[in-house]
Amino acid sequence: MPKRDMHRVLFPKQQKILVTFGEDLLLAVKRRGLTKQMICDRSGFDNKTVNKIFAGDPGVAVGAYLKVMAVLGMEDNFAKLAAHDEVGIKLQNIKLLQGGK
């Protein structure tokens, strides 16, 4: 596989998460009564890119996903994605209980 395509390689679980995310964005569009063309016009992306976003394409830049979320008024949700780090907090608590810094 050429090196330039490695960014598109995801494990099946990761791919499923991204596909679900794209579908959730599409559902948010439909709930708001918007069309894909309206999303294209408001985001500045062409129809091909918007379709890739709604399909959960891993080749689309994360900034493009964020811009569509902003069009939908959901950009604050993006900021919350990694805000609560359960594993990191547990590791930190273990270290603190052991007297480490």
N, C-alpha and C. Protein backbone atom coordinates (compact mmCIF):
# COMPACT_ATOMS: atom_id res chain seq x y z
N MET A 1 0.86 -1.18 0.00
CA MET A 1 0.00 0.00 0.00
C MET A 1 0.90 1.24 0.00
N PRO A 2 0.65 2.17 -0.90
CA PRO A 2 1.47 3.39 -0.91
C PRO A 2 1.36 4.15 0.40
N LYS A 3 2.45 4.82 0.76
CA LYS A 3 2.50 5.54 2.02
C LYS A 3 1.39 6.59 2.12
N ARG A 4 1.05 7.24 1.02
CA ARG A 4 0.06 8.31 1.06
C ARG A 4 -1.33 7.81 1.43
N ASP A 5 -1.59 6.52 1.30
CA ASP A 5 -2.90 5.96 1.64
C ASP A 5 -2.97 5.44 3.07
N MET A 6 -1.88 5.50 3.81
CA MET A 6 -1.88 4.96 5.17
C MET A 6 -2.83 5.73 6.09
N HIS A 7 -3.07 7.01 5.80
CA HIS A 7 -3.98 7.78 6.65
C HIS A 7 -5.42 7.30 6.52
N ARG A 8 -5.70 6.54 5.50
CA ARG A 8 -7.06 6.04 5.29
C ARG A 8 -7.29 4.69 5.97
N VAL A 9 -6.23 4.08 6.51
CA VAL A 9 -6.33 2.76 7.10
C VAL A 9 -6.76 2.88 8.56
N LEU A 10 -7.90 2.29 8.85
CA LEU A 10 -8.41 2.25 10.21
C LEU A 10 -8.76 0.81 10.56
N PHE A 11 -8.72 0.50 11.84
CA PHE A 11 -9.21 -0.79 12.27
C PHE A 11 -10.73 -0.79 12.13
N PRO A 12 -11.33 -1.96 12.00
CA PRO A 12 -12.79 -2.02 11.79
C PRO A 12 -13.60 -1.27 12.84
N LYS A 13 -13.21 -1.35 14.10
CA LYS A 13 -13.95 -0.66 15.14
C LYS A 13 -13.87 0.86 14.95
N GLN A 14 -12.68 1.34 14.59
CA GLN A 14 -12.49 2.77 14.35
C GLN A 14 -13.31 3.22 13.15
N GLN A 15 -13.31 2.42 12.09
CA GLN A 15 -14.08 2.75 10.89
C GLN A 15 -15.56 2.82 11.22
N LYS A 16 -16.04 1.88 12.03
CA LYS A 16 -17.46 1.88 12.40
C LYS A 16 -17.81 3.15 13.18
N ILE A 17 -16.93 3.57 14.08
CA ILE A 17 -17.16 4.78 14.85
C ILE A 17 -17.24 5.99 13.93
N LEU A 18 -16.34 6.07 12.97
CA LEU A 18 -16.32 7.20 12.05
C LEU A 18 -17.55 7.20 11.14
N VAL A 19 -17.96 6.03 10.68
CA VAL A 19 -19.17 5.92 9.86
C VAL A 19 -20.39 6.36 10.67
N THR A 20 -20.47 5.91 11.90
CA THR A 20 -21.59 6.31 12.77
C THR A 20 -21.58 7.81 13.01
N PHE A 21 -20.39 8.38 13.18
CA PHE A 21 -20.27 9.82 13.38
C PHE A 21 -20.81 10.58 12.16
N GLY A 22 -20.41 10.13 10.97
CA GLY A 22 -20.90 10.75 9.74
C GLY A 22 -22.41 10.64 9.62
N GLU A 23 -22.95 9.47 9.95
CA GLU A 23 -24.40 9.27 9.90
C GLU A 23 -25.10 10.17 10.91
N ASP A 24 -24.50 10.33 12.09
CA ASP A 24 -25.09 11.21 13.10
C ASP A 24 -25.12 12.66 12.63
N LEU A 25 -24.08 13.08 11.92
CA LEU A 25 -24.07 14.43 11.36
C LEU A 25 -25.16 14.58 10.31
N LEU A 26 -25.32 13.57 9.47
CA LEU A 26 -26.38 13.62 8.45
C LEU A 26 -27.76 13.68 9.11
N LEU A 27 -27.96 12.90 10.16
CA LEU A 27 -29.23 12.95 10.89
C LEU A 27 -29.47 14.33 11.50
N ALA A 28 -28.41 14.96 11.99
CA ALA A 28 -28.52 16.31 12.56
C ALA A 28 -28.95 17.30 11.47
N VAL A 29 -28.43 17.11 10.27
CA VAL A 29 -28.81 17.96 9.14
C VAL A 29 -30.31 17.79 8.85
N LYS A 30 -30.73 16.55 8.79
CA LYS A 30 -32.14 16.27 8.48
C LYS A 30 -33.07 16.77 9.59
N ARG A 31 -32.66 16.62 10.84
CA ARG A 31 -33.48 17.13 11.95
C ARG A 31 -33.67 18.63 11.88
N ARG A 32 -32.68 19.32 11.34
CA ARG A 32 -32.74 20.78 11.23
C ARG A 32 -33.45 21.23 9.96
N GLY A 33 -33.84 20.28 9.13
CA GLY A 33 -34.53 20.61 7.88
C GLY A 33 -33.62 21.23 6.84
N LEU A 34 -32.32 20.93 6.93
CA LEU A 34 -31.36 21.45 5.97
C LEU A 34 -31.14 20.43 4.87
N THR A 35 -30.58 20.87 3.77
CA THR A 35 -30.22 19.97 2.68
C THR A 35 -28.71 19.89 2.59
N LYS A 36 -28.23 18.89 1.87
CA LYS A 36 -26.79 18.78 1.67
C LYS A 36 -26.26 20.00 0.93
N GLN A 37 -27.05 20.53 0.01
CA GLN A 37 -26.62 21.71 -0.73
C GLN A 37 -26.46 22.91 0.21
N MET A 38 -27.35 23.02 1.17
CA MET A 38 -27.23 24.11 2.15
C MET A 38 -25.95 23.95 2.96
N ILE A 39 -25.62 22.71 3.32
CA ILE A 39 -24.38 22.45 4.07
C ILE A 39 -23.18 22.82 3.20
N CYS A 40 -23.23 22.48 1.91
CA CYS A 40 -22.15 22.85 0.99
C CYS A 40 -21.99 24.37 0.94
N ASP A 41 -23.10 25.07 0.77
CA ASP A 41 -23.06 26.53 0.66
C ASP A 41 -22.53 27.17 1.93
N ARG A 42 -22.96 26.69 3.07
CA ARG A 42 -22.59 27.31 4.35
C ARG A 42 -21.18 26.93 4.81
N SER A 43 -20.72 25.74 4.42
CA SER A 43 -19.39 25.30 4.83
C SER A 43 -18.31 25.68 3.82
N GLY A 44 -18.71 25.89 2.58
CA GLY A 44 -17.74 26.18 1.53
C GLY A 44 -17.14 24.94 0.90
N PHE A 45 -17.63 23.77 1.27
CA PHE A 45 -17.14 22.51 0.70
C PHE A 45 -17.99 22.12 -0.49
N ASP A 46 -17.38 21.36 -1.40
CA ASP A 46 -18.15 20.86 -2.53
C ASP A 46 -18.97 19.64 -2.09
N ASN A 47 -19.88 19.24 -2.96
CA ASN A 47 -20.79 18.13 -2.67
C ASN A 47 -20.04 16.83 -2.38
N LYS A 48 -18.94 16.62 -3.10
CA LYS A 48 -18.14 15.39 -2.91
C LYS A 48 -17.58 15.32 -1.49
N THR A 49 -17.05 16.43 -0.99
CA THR A 49 -16.48 16.46 0.36
C THR A 49 -17.56 16.26 1.41
N VAL A 50 -18.69 16.92 1.24
CA VAL A 50 -19.79 16.79 2.20
C VAL A 50 -20.29 15.35 2.22
N ASN A 51 -20.40 14.73 1.06
CA ASN A 51 -20.82 13.32 1.02
C ASN A 51 -19.82 12.43 1.73
N LYS A 52 -18.52 12.72 1.58
CA LYS A 52 -17.50 11.94 2.28
C LYS A 52 -17.62 12.12 3.80
N ILE A 53 -17.92 13.33 4.23
CA ILE A 53 -18.09 13.58 5.67
C ILE A 53 -19.25 12.75 6.21
N PHE A 54 -20.36 12.77 5.51
CA PHE A 54 -21.53 12.02 5.96
C PHE A 54 -21.34 10.51 5.85
N ALA A 55 -20.36 10.10 5.05
CA ALA A 55 -20.04 8.67 4.93
C ALA A 55 -18.98 8.24 5.95
N GLY A 56 -18.40 9.21 6.67
CA GLY A 56 -17.37 8.87 7.65
C GLY A 56 -16.05 8.53 7.01
N ASP A 57 -15.70 9.19 5.93
CA ASP A 57 -14.46 8.92 5.22
C ASP A 57 -13.27 9.39 6.06
N PRO A 58 -12.31 8.49 6.34
CA PRO A 58 -11.16 8.87 7.16
C PRO A 58 -10.18 9.78 6.44
N GLY A 59 -10.33 9.94 5.14
CA GLY A 59 -9.43 10.81 4.38
C GLY A 59 -9.80 12.28 4.46
N VAL A 60 -10.95 12.57 5.04
CA VAL A 60 -11.38 13.96 5.18
C VAL A 60 -10.73 14.54 6.43
N ALA A 61 -10.21 15.75 6.31
CA ALA A 61 -9.53 16.39 7.45
C ALA A 61 -10.51 16.61 8.60
N VAL A 62 -10.00 16.48 9.80
CA VAL A 62 -10.82 16.66 10.99
C VAL A 62 -11.41 18.08 11.02
N GLY A 63 -10.70 19.04 10.46
CA GLY A 63 -11.20 20.40 10.38
C GLY A 63 -12.47 20.51 9.55
N ALA A 64 -12.58 19.66 8.54
CA ALA A 64 -13.78 19.66 7.71
C ALA A 64 -14.99 19.14 8.51
N TYR A 65 -14.76 18.10 9.31
CA TYR A 65 -15.83 17.61 10.17
C TYR A 65 -16.26 18.71 11.15
N LEU A 66 -15.26 19.41 11.71
CA LEU A 66 -15.55 20.48 12.66
C LEU A 66 -16.33 21.61 12.01
N LYS A 67 -15.98 21.95 10.78
CA LYS A 67 -16.67 23.04 10.09
C LYS A 67 -18.13 22.68 9.86
N VAL A 68 -18.41 21.45 9.48
CA VAL A 68 -19.81 21.02 9.30
C VAL A 68 -20.53 21.05 10.64
N MET A 69 -19.85 20.62 11.68
CA MET A 69 -20.45 20.69 13.02
C MET A 69 -20.77 22.14 13.39
N ALA A 70 -19.91 23.08 13.01
CA ALA A 70 -20.14 24.49 13.29
C ALA A 70 -21.37 24.99 12.53
N VAL A 71 -21.51 24.57 11.29
CA VAL A 71 -22.69 24.95 10.51
C VAL A 71 -23.96 24.47 11.20
N LEU A 72 -23.88 23.32 11.86
CA LEU A 72 -25.02 22.74 12.56
C LEU A 72 -25.16 23.27 13.99
N GLY A 73 -24.23 24.12 14.41
CA GLY A 73 -24.26 24.65 15.77
C GLY A 73 -23.81 23.64 16.81
N MET A 74 -22.98 22.70 16.38
CA MET A 74 -22.54 21.61 17.25
C MET A 74 -21.06 21.65 17.56
N GLU A 75 -20.38 22.76 17.27
CA GLU A 75 -18.93 22.79 17.45
C GLU A 75 -18.50 22.61 18.90
N ASP A 76 -19.35 22.99 19.85
CA ASP A 76 -19.00 22.78 21.26
C ASP A 76 -18.92 21.30 21.60
N ASN A 77 -19.68 20.47 20.90
CA ASN A 77 -19.61 19.03 21.11
C ASN A 77 -18.21 18.50 20.79
N PHE A 78 -17.58 19.09 19.79
CA PHE A 78 -16.24 18.66 19.39
C PHE A 78 -15.24 18.87 20.52
N ALA A 79 -15.37 20.01 21.19
CA ALA A 79 -14.45 20.33 22.28
C ALA A 79 -14.57 19.35 23.44
N LYS A 80 -15.70 18.70 23.57
CA LYS A 80 -15.94 17.78 24.68
C LYS A 80 -15.44 16.36 24.40
N LEU A 81 -15.05 16.09 23.16
CA LEU A 81 -14.69 14.72 22.79
C LEU A 81 -13.60 14.11 23.67
N ALA A 82 -12.54 14.82 23.91
CA ALA A 82 -11.44 14.27 24.71
C ALA A 82 -11.32 14.95 26.06
N ALA A 83 -12.31 15.72 26.43
CA ALA A 83 -12.23 16.48 27.69
C ALA A 83 -12.25 15.58 28.92
N HIS A 84 -13.00 14.52 28.88
CA HIS A 84 -13.08 13.63 30.03
C HIS A 84 -12.28 12.37 29.75
N ASP A 85 -11.08 12.33 30.25
CA ASP A 85 -10.13 11.25 30.00
C ASP A 85 -10.14 10.26 31.16
N GLU A 86 -11.06 9.31 31.13
CA GLU A 86 -11.21 8.35 32.23
C GLU A 86 -9.94 7.55 32.48
N VAL A 87 -9.33 7.06 31.41
CA VAL A 87 -8.12 6.24 31.57
C VAL A 87 -6.99 7.08 32.15
N GLY A 88 -6.81 8.29 31.64
CA GLY A 88 -5.76 9.17 32.15
C GLY A 88 -5.96 9.52 33.61
N ILE A 89 -7.21 9.76 33.99
CA ILE A 89 -7.52 10.08 35.39
C ILE A 89 -7.22 8.89 36.28
N LYS A 90 -7.57 7.69 35.85
CA LYS A 90 -7.28 6.49 36.65
C LYS A 90 -5.78 6.29 36.80
N LEU A 91 -5.03 6.47 35.72
CA LEU A 91 -3.57 6.33 35.79
C LEU A 91 -2.97 7.38 36.72
N GLN A 92 -3.48 8.59 36.65
CA GLN A 92 -3.00 9.64 37.52
C GLN A 92 -3.32 9.34 38.99
N ASN A 93 -4.51 8.84 39.24
CA ASN A 93 -4.91 8.50 40.61
C ASN A 93 -4.03 7.39 41.18
N ILE A 94 -3.72 6.39 40.36
CA ILE A 94 -2.84 5.31 40.82
C ILE A 94 -1.47 5.87 41.19
N LYS A 95 -0.95 6.74 40.33
CA LYS A 95 0.35 7.35 40.59
C LYS A 95 0.32 8.20 41.87
N LEU A 96 -0.76 8.93 42.06
CA LEU A 96 -0.88 9.78 43.26
C LEU A 96 -0.99 8.93 44.53
N LEU A 97 -1.70 7.82 44.43
CA LEU A 97 -1.84 6.93 45.59
C LEU A 97 -0.53 6.24 45.95
N GLN A 98 0.32 6.06 44.94
CA GLN A 98 1.62 5.44 45.19
C GLN A 98 2.66 6.45 45.66
N GLY A 99 2.25 7.70 45.79
CA GLY A 99 3.16 8.73 46.26
C GLY A 99 3.99 9.36 45.16
N GLY A 100 3.69 9.06 43.92
CA GLY A 100 4.43 9.67 42.82
C GLY A 100 3.90 11.04 42.48
N LYS A 101 4.65 11.75 41.66
CA LYS A 101 4.22 13.10 41.25
C LYS A 101 3.63 13.10 39.88
